[in-house]
Protein backbone atom coordinates (compact mmCIF):
# COMPACT_ATOMS: atom_id res chain seq x y z
CA UNK A 1 -89.65 72.34 6.30
CA UNK A 2 -93.35 71.22 6.70
CA UNK A 3 -93.94 69.56 9.83
CA UNK A 4 -97.74 69.24 9.32
CA UNK A 5 -96.62 66.50 6.43
CA UNK A 6 -95.04 64.31 8.52
CA UNK A 7 -98.40 63.85 10.20
CA UNK A 8 -100.18 60.70 8.98
CA UNK A 9 -103.65 60.98 10.71
CA UNK A 10 -105.59 57.33 10.91
CA UNK A 11 -108.49 58.19 13.02
CA UNK A 12 -111.95 60.34 12.84
CA UNK A 13 -109.76 63.19 14.39
CA UNK A 14 -108.76 66.68 13.76
CA UNK A 15 -105.05 66.57 14.61
CA UNK A 16 -102.61 69.70 14.10
CA UNK A 17 -98.87 69.48 14.43
CA UNK A 18 -97.31 72.72 16.14
CA UNK A 19 -93.28 72.90 16.66
CA UNK A 20 -93.08 74.72 20.39
CA UNK A 21 -90.25 74.91 22.54
CA UNK A 22 -91.12 72.65 25.58
CA UNK A 23 -90.58 74.79 29.30
CA UNK A 24 -87.24 73.52 29.20
CA UNK A 25 -86.38 75.10 25.60
CA UNK A 26 -86.49 72.11 23.88
CA UNK A 27 -87.63 72.02 20.62
CA UNK A 28 -90.54 69.58 20.13
CA UNK A 29 -93.42 68.74 17.49
CA UNK A 30 -96.67 69.27 19.69
CA UNK A 31 -99.13 66.58 18.14
CA UNK A 32 -102.74 67.19 19.25
CA UNK A 33 -105.91 65.59 18.51
CA UNK A 34 -109.05 66.36 18.91
CA UNK A 35 -112.38 64.06 18.73
CA UNK A 36 -115.83 65.76 18.50
CA UNK A 37 -118.48 63.78 19.48
CA UNK A 38 -122.31 64.13 18.89
CA UNK A 39 -124.98 63.44 21.68
CA UNK A 40 -128.30 63.62 21.18
CA UNK A 41 -131.08 64.31 24.34
CA UNK A 42 -131.29 60.48 24.85
CA UNK A 43 -127.45 60.38 25.40
CA UNK A 44 -127.06 58.03 21.82
CA UNK A 45 -123.35 59.53 20.36
CA UNK A 46 -122.25 59.76 17.08
CA UNK A 47 -118.88 61.41 15.17
CA UNK A 48 -119.64 65.17 14.69
CA UNK A 49 -119.71 66.39 11.09
CA UNK A 50 -117.74 68.87 10.59
CA UNK A 51 -115.68 67.41 13.34
CA UNK A 52 -113.91 70.90 16.06
CA UNK A 53 -110.87 71.98 14.47
CA UNK A 54 -107.74 72.20 16.81
CA UNK A 55 -107.76 75.46 17.79
CA UNK A 56 -103.87 77.48 18.03
CA UNK A 57 -105.25 80.97 19.33
CA UNK A 58 -108.18 81.73 21.93
CA UNK A 59 -111.52 82.25 21.06
CA UNK A 60 -113.42 84.99 22.76
CA UNK A 61 -116.89 85.79 23.41
CA UNK A 62 -117.50 88.85 21.53
CA UNK A 63 -115.04 92.19 20.56
CA UNK A 64 -115.47 93.36 24.14
CA UNK A 65 -112.04 94.75 25.87
CA UNK A 66 -112.70 92.04 29.16
CA UNK A 67 -114.59 89.64 27.11
CA UNK A 68 -114.68 85.71 28.87
CA UNK A 69 -113.84 82.66 26.51
CA UNK A 70 -116.16 80.38 24.59
CA UNK A 71 -112.92 77.84 23.98
CA UNK A 72 -108.95 78.13 24.51
CA UNK A 73 -106.57 78.11 23.13
CA UNK A 74 -105.25 74.29 22.42
CA UNK A 75 -102.10 74.73 21.85
CA UNK A 76 -100.26 74.31 24.84
CA UNK A 77 -97.50 71.55 24.97
CA UNK A 78 -98.59 70.31 28.03
CA UNK A 79 -101.57 69.74 30.07
CA UNK A 80 -101.65 67.50 33.59
CA UNK A 81 -104.49 66.05 34.37
CA UNK A 82 -107.82 67.05 32.45
CA UNK A 83 -109.73 69.64 32.23
CA UNK A 84 -113.34 69.20 32.50
CA UNK A 85 -115.29 72.14 30.88
CA UNK A 86 -119.20 72.90 30.55
CA UNK A 87 -120.79 75.57 27.79
CA UNK A 88 -124.43 76.21 27.65
CA UNK A 89 -127.45 78.12 28.64
CA UNK A 90 -129.43 77.70 31.95
CA UNK A 91 -133.23 76.85 31.84
CA UNK A 92 -135.92 77.41 33.93
CA UNK A 93 -138.23 74.40 35.20
CA UNK A 94 -141.18 76.31 35.27
CA UNK A 95 -142.28 79.00 33.28
CA UNK A 96 -142.21 81.21 37.00
CA UNK A 97 -138.95 80.22 38.09
CA UNK A 98 -137.25 82.68 39.49
CA UNK A 99 -133.85 80.97 39.85
CA UNK A 100 -132.86 77.18 38.58
CA UNK A 101 -129.40 75.05 39.70
CA UNK A 102 -126.85 73.85 37.36
CA UNK A 103 -125.03 70.72 37.96
CA UNK A 104 -122.15 69.00 35.95
CA UNK A 105 -121.50 65.59 37.32
CA UNK A 106 -118.98 63.21 35.97
CA UNK A 107 -118.60 59.74 37.63
CA UNK A 108 -114.87 58.54 37.55
CA UNK A 109 -115.31 55.39 39.31
CA UNK A 110 -112.87 56.28 42.05
CA UNK A 111 -114.44 59.48 42.39
CA UNK A 112 -116.50 62.11 41.67
CA UNK A 113 -116.41 65.69 39.77
CA UNK A 114 -119.75 67.33 41.15
CA UNK A 115 -120.37 71.09 41.05
CA UNK A 116 -123.78 73.50 41.24
CA UNK A 117 -124.32 76.88 41.06
CA UNK A 118 -127.33 78.66 41.09
CA UNK A 119 -128.74 80.94 37.88
CA UNK A 120 -131.19 83.96 39.12
CA UNK A 121 -133.63 86.05 37.18
CA UNK A 122 -132.20 89.65 36.94
CA UNK A 123 -131.69 91.57 40.41
CA UNK A 124 -130.03 94.93 41.47
CA UNK A 125 -128.02 95.32 44.78
CA UNK A 126 -129.60 96.79 47.23
CA UNK A 127 -129.11 98.47 50.60
CA UNK A 128 -129.04 95.60 53.51
CA UNK A 129 -128.93 95.91 57.32
CA UNK A 130 -125.68 95.44 57.30
CA UNK A 131 -123.61 95.90 53.83
CA UNK A 132 -125.28 95.53 50.31
CA UNK A 133 -127.29 92.20 49.14
CA UNK A 134 -128.69 91.28 45.67
CA UNK A 135 -132.22 92.35 45.61
CA UNK A 136 -135.25 89.87 44.87
CA UNK A 137 -134.81 87.86 41.35
CA UNK A 138 -137.21 88.68 38.82
CA UNK A 139 -138.34 86.03 36.51
CA UNK A 140 -135.93 84.29 35.17
CA UNK A 141 -135.74 83.25 31.36
CA UNK A 142 -132.61 81.11 29.47
CA UNK A 143 -129.52 82.38 30.58
CA UNK A 144 -126.26 81.76 29.18
CA UNK A 145 -123.44 80.54 31.55
CA UNK A 146 -121.17 82.91 30.93
CA UNK A 147 -118.62 84.86 33.28
CA UNK A 148 -120.17 88.23 32.21
CA UNK A 149 -123.10 87.46 34.44
CA UNK A 150 -121.01 86.40 37.41
CA UNK A 151 -119.61 88.60 40.11
CA UNK A 152 -116.04 90.18 39.35
CA UNK A 153 -115.11 92.63 37.02
CA UNK A 154 -113.34 95.90 36.07
CA UNK A 155 -114.08 99.36 38.61
CA UNK A 156 -113.24 102.31 36.20
CA UNK A 157 -114.86 104.96 38.68
CA UNK A 158 -111.40 106.28 38.10
CA UNK A 159 -109.94 105.86 34.84
CA UNK A 160 -106.52 106.65 35.84
CA UNK A 161 -106.51 103.81 37.96
CA UNK A 162 -108.95 101.08 37.27
CA UNK A 163 -108.94 98.38 39.91
CA UNK A 164 -110.02 94.63 39.25
CA UNK A 165 -111.03 92.12 40.17
CA UNK A 166 -108.38 89.13 38.37
CA UNK A 167 -110.44 86.28 38.79
CA UNK A 168 -113.21 87.17 36.12
CA UNK A 169 -112.64 90.45 34.53
CA UNK A 170 -115.15 89.86 32.66
CA UNK A 171 -117.86 90.09 35.54
CA UNK A 172 -120.29 92.41 37.06
CA UNK A 173 -120.50 93.61 40.71
CA UNK A 174 -117.39 94.49 41.36
CA UNK A 175 -116.80 97.63 43.22
CA UNK A 176 -113.82 99.14 45.09
CA UNK A 177 -116.86 100.79 46.89
CA UNK A 178 -119.28 98.68 47.60
CA UNK A 179 -122.31 101.52 48.34
CA UNK A 180 -121.80 102.29 44.86
CA UNK A 181 -123.38 99.52 43.75
CA UNK A 182 -126.61 100.10 44.65
CA UNK A 183 -129.91 100.13 42.37
CA UNK A 184 -127.28 98.32 39.59
CA UNK A 185 -127.83 95.11 38.10
CA UNK A 186 -126.57 91.88 40.37
CA UNK A 187 -124.71 88.91 39.06
CA UNK A 188 -127.48 86.37 38.64
CA UNK A 189 -124.79 83.27 38.32
CA UNK A 190 -123.11 82.47 42.01
CA UNK A 191 -122.08 80.00 43.32
CA UNK A 192 -123.83 78.80 46.95
CA UNK A 193 -121.24 78.12 48.62
CA UNK A 194 -119.80 81.58 48.26
CA UNK A 195 -122.84 83.63 47.55
CA UNK A 196 -123.09 87.14 47.25
CA UNK A 197 -124.28 88.41 50.20
CA UNK A 198 -121.32 86.51 52.04
CA UNK A 199 -118.07 88.72 53.04
CA UNK A 200 -116.11 87.25 50.40
CA UNK A 201 -118.20 86.47 46.98
CA UNK A 202 -116.39 84.87 44.18
CA UNK A 203 -117.00 84.00 40.77
CA UNK A 204 -118.54 81.58 39.36
CA UNK A 205 -118.34 79.57 36.18
CA UNK A 206 -118.15 76.28 34.16
CA UNK A 207 -116.39 77.68 31.28
CA UNK A 208 -112.78 78.27 30.51
CA UNK A 209 -110.39 80.74 32.10
CA UNK A 210 -107.92 82.97 30.11
CA UNK A 211 -104.33 82.90 31.08
CA UNK A 212 -104.24 85.66 32.21
CA UNK A 213 -107.08 85.95 35.07
CA UNK A 214 -106.68 84.00 38.32
CA UNK A 215 -105.56 81.42 39.57
CA UNK A 216 -103.51 80.46 36.11
CA UNK A 217 -101.78 83.55 35.98
CA UNK A 218 -100.32 82.89 39.09
CA UNK A 219 -98.72 79.61 37.97
CA UNK A 220 -97.17 81.05 35.42
CA UNK A 221 -93.46 81.76 37.09
CA UNK A 222 -91.72 84.54 38.43
CA UNK A 223 -91.39 87.12 35.89
CA UNK A 224 -88.70 89.19 37.60
CA UNK A 225 -85.03 90.68 36.67
CA UNK A 226 -82.83 87.96 37.38
CA UNK A 227 -85.91 86.03 35.22
CA UNK A 228 -84.92 88.47 32.21
CA UNK A 229 -81.11 88.63 32.92
CA UNK A 230 -80.57 84.73 33.54
CA UNK A 231 -83.22 82.57 31.95
CA UNK A 232 -85.62 84.92 29.28
CA UNK A 233 -86.65 83.64 26.79
CA UNK A 234 -87.13 80.43 28.33
CA UNK A 235 -90.37 79.88 31.02
CA UNK A 236 -89.36 80.47 34.48
CA UNK A 237 -88.25 77.99 36.99
CA UNK A 238 -91.04 78.08 39.27
CA UNK A 239 -93.49 77.12 36.24
CA UNK A 240 -96.39 75.36 36.86
CA UNK A 241 -97.69 73.41 34.16
CA UNK A 242 -101.29 73.71 35.47
CA UNK A 243 -101.00 77.56 34.22
CA UNK A 244 -101.89 75.74 30.68
CA UNK A 245 -105.29 74.02 32.08
CA UNK A 246 -107.79 76.16 31.60
CA UNK A 247 -110.95 74.71 33.80
CA UNK A 248 -112.27 76.13 37.07
CA UNK A 249 -110.18 75.14 40.06
CA UNK A 250 -112.85 72.57 40.71
CA UNK A 251 -113.68 71.38 37.71
CA UNK A 252 -109.62 69.78 36.97
CA UNK A 253 -109.50 65.76 37.53
CA UNK A 254 -105.54 64.49 38.53
CA UNK A 255 -105.77 61.57 37.69
CA UNK A 256 -107.17 62.25 34.00
CA UNK A 257 -109.79 61.03 32.44
CA UNK A 258 -110.14 57.93 30.08
CA UNK A 259 -113.34 59.64 28.10
CA UNK A 260 -116.00 56.94 28.63
CA UNK A 261 -117.06 58.12 31.82
CA UNK A 262 -120.97 58.57 32.85
CA UNK A 263 -122.17 62.58 32.64
CA UNK A 264 -125.00 64.03 34.03
CA UNK A 265 -125.37 67.89 32.84
CA UNK A 266 -129.02 69.63 34.74
CA UNK A 267 -130.49 72.22 34.04
CA UNK A 268 -128.76 73.32 30.96
CA UNK A 269 -130.89 71.96 28.51
CA UNK A 270 -134.22 72.37 27.74
CA UNK A 271 -135.72 69.16 28.92
CA UNK A 272 -133.74 69.51 31.95
CA UNK A 273 -131.66 66.49 32.21
CA UNK A 274 -128.93 65.63 30.22
CA UNK A 275 -127.22 61.95 30.64
CA UNK A 276 -124.41 60.29 28.48
CA UNK A 277 -121.59 58.06 28.48
CA UNK A 278 -119.27 58.21 25.19
CA UNK A 279 -118.04 54.69 23.99
CA UNK A 280 -114.18 54.44 24.78
CA UNK A 281 -111.78 55.68 21.99
CA UNK A 282 -108.25 57.41 22.15
CA UNK A 283 -105.66 58.19 19.85
CA UNK A 284 -102.05 56.47 19.85
CA UNK A 285 -99.08 58.66 18.88
CA UNK A 286 -95.95 56.71 16.95
CA UNK A 287 -92.94 58.53 15.65
CA UNK A 288 -90.17 57.09 13.52
CA UNK A 289 -87.05 59.04 13.83
CA UNK A 290 -83.87 57.73 11.24
CA UNK A 291 -85.67 54.54 10.81
CA UNK A 292 -86.27 53.87 14.61
CA UNK A 293 -90.20 53.46 15.77
CA UNK A 294 -90.85 55.54 18.97
CA UNK A 295 -94.76 55.30 21.09
CA UNK A 296 -95.66 58.32 22.66
CA UNK A 297 -97.77 58.25 25.86
CA UNK A 298 -100.93 60.10 26.10
CA UNK A 299 -103.68 61.21 28.27
CA UNK A 300 -106.95 63.12 27.79
CA UNK A 301 -106.76 66.72 29.37
CA UNK A 302 -109.62 68.35 27.61
CA UNK A 303 -113.13 67.14 28.25
CA UNK A 304 -115.34 69.73 26.64
CA UNK A 305 -119.25 69.56 26.75
CA UNK A 306 -121.33 72.16 24.72
CA UNK A 307 -124.54 71.86 25.78
CA UNK A 308 -126.30 74.09 23.23
CA UNK A 309 -124.15 72.32 20.46
CA UNK A 310 -125.07 68.87 21.84
CA UNK A 311 -121.01 68.26 21.17
CA UNK A 312 -118.13 66.86 23.62
CA UNK A 313 -114.26 67.91 22.39
CA UNK A 314 -111.89 65.74 23.75
CA UNK A 315 -108.32 66.54 23.71
CA UNK A 316 -105.34 64.77 23.32
CA UNK A 317 -101.42 65.74 23.37
CA UNK A 318 -97.87 64.30 22.94
CA UNK A 319 -94.72 65.96 22.72
CA UNK A 320 -92.55 64.37 20.12
CA UNK A 321 -88.67 65.67 20.62
CA UNK A 322 -86.85 66.85 17.59
CA UNK A 323 -83.61 65.92 16.14
CA UNK A 324 -81.00 68.39 15.60
CA UNK A 325 -81.85 67.48 12.37
CA UNK A 326 -85.46 67.78 11.53
CA UNK A 327 -85.36 65.93 8.55
CA UNK A 328 -84.42 62.96 10.34
CA UNK A 329 -87.97 62.57 12.00
CA UNK A 330 -89.69 60.41 9.12
CA UNK A 331 -93.28 60.48 10.39
CA UNK A 332 -95.62 60.72 13.14
CA UNK A 333 -98.72 58.48 12.89
CA UNK A 334 -101.66 58.98 14.91
CA UNK A 335 -104.24 55.77 15.00
CA UNK A 336 -106.91 54.66 17.19
CA UNK A 337 -106.65 52.36 20.46
CA UNK A 338 -109.37 50.55 19.72
CA UNK A 339 -112.11 49.91 16.83
CA UNK A 340 -114.95 52.03 16.86
CA UNK A 341 -118.14 50.45 17.42
CA UNK A 342 -119.38 48.56 14.34
CA UNK A 343 -122.63 51.61 13.92
CA UNK A 344 -120.49 54.25 14.27
CA UNK A 345 -118.06 53.18 12.09
CA UNK A 346 -121.49 52.88 9.49
CA UNK A 347 -122.57 56.02 10.54
CA UNK A 348 -118.97 57.44 9.76
CA UNK A 349 -118.47 56.02 6.08
CA UNK A 350 -122.57 57.45 5.56
CA UNK A 351 -121.40 61.10 6.22
CA UNK A 352 -118.34 60.33 4.11
CA UNK A 353 -119.33 58.16 1.46
CA UNK A 354 -123.16 58.12 1.22
CA UNK A 355 -125.70 55.70 2.46
CA UNK A 356 -126.00 52.19 2.28
CA UNK A 357 -121.59 52.86 2.67
CA UNK A 358 -119.22 50.83 4.65
CA UNK A 359 -115.87 51.32 5.90
CA UNK A 360 -112.80 50.40 7.94
CA UNK A 361 -111.70 52.63 11.16
CA UNK A 362 -108.79 51.65 13.88
């Protein structure tokens, strides 16, 4: 039975219906809705065309074996809280700059998410009086904010027994014997709280973390012999739903966002500062089973800012329990929680029907 045909989407979002088993083994229909806004340098928001799709698979940045992700898959059955992600490029504030701070701030009214990373120009490891340290930074150019340029990686000095930093398999600068790094390129993206000169440097980034990297992998639960014997293929009893959350820990908010929070991005656009506040708009999900209507609560679980594309993707999802006879699920309707602002409705109508058209949106 094609369950996607049961979904009636009455929003300007992309919607996908994906049959899955939840962590208890129950069969559910996961309905995922994604809104994409295009936001100008002045903060003005319009609905993006085309809409970014709901992604069923991870999207790696390259074909490299240990490539980081540009986008994590949206196809998970539950995500607690809200992942806040930033994709983009660091731009030097002056032509002769050798480093630049990049910051992300989201004001929620209750608290704020504020994160700052430092991006350097090219540099190499050099011997210091005690241990190693990154050498002076060269002139900085536009630098992609990717985990490949941060601390981490795989030390394959012994190809039979490679050693990895599972917090960032894509990175650079990780070596079992640090003396082997002298003269090699040093990471250029670092967290000023845990710099490379410290005894315990940490990976640094704003983008999504793959599920096999720490700390996501540590939340997948215990896959031991007892699990294989007594529970497989269900998820382990100690599975943590935060395994499905792909943002770095300091970019995850336990209390979900609503989508209209004030956002400030500094250092990741050519003009230096990008501030915006999106219109409040969210989906509502209703299902009908054997003539009975059910409302399904939801929350915004992904807030992905792409400073290069000037877009923001917002994702919501619900799980609709499938009846024993799936044909008893008659429909799932997705509609807006409130009307869109008139100027956005006009813009949407013009993009679909041509200039001078008008339309209504739920």
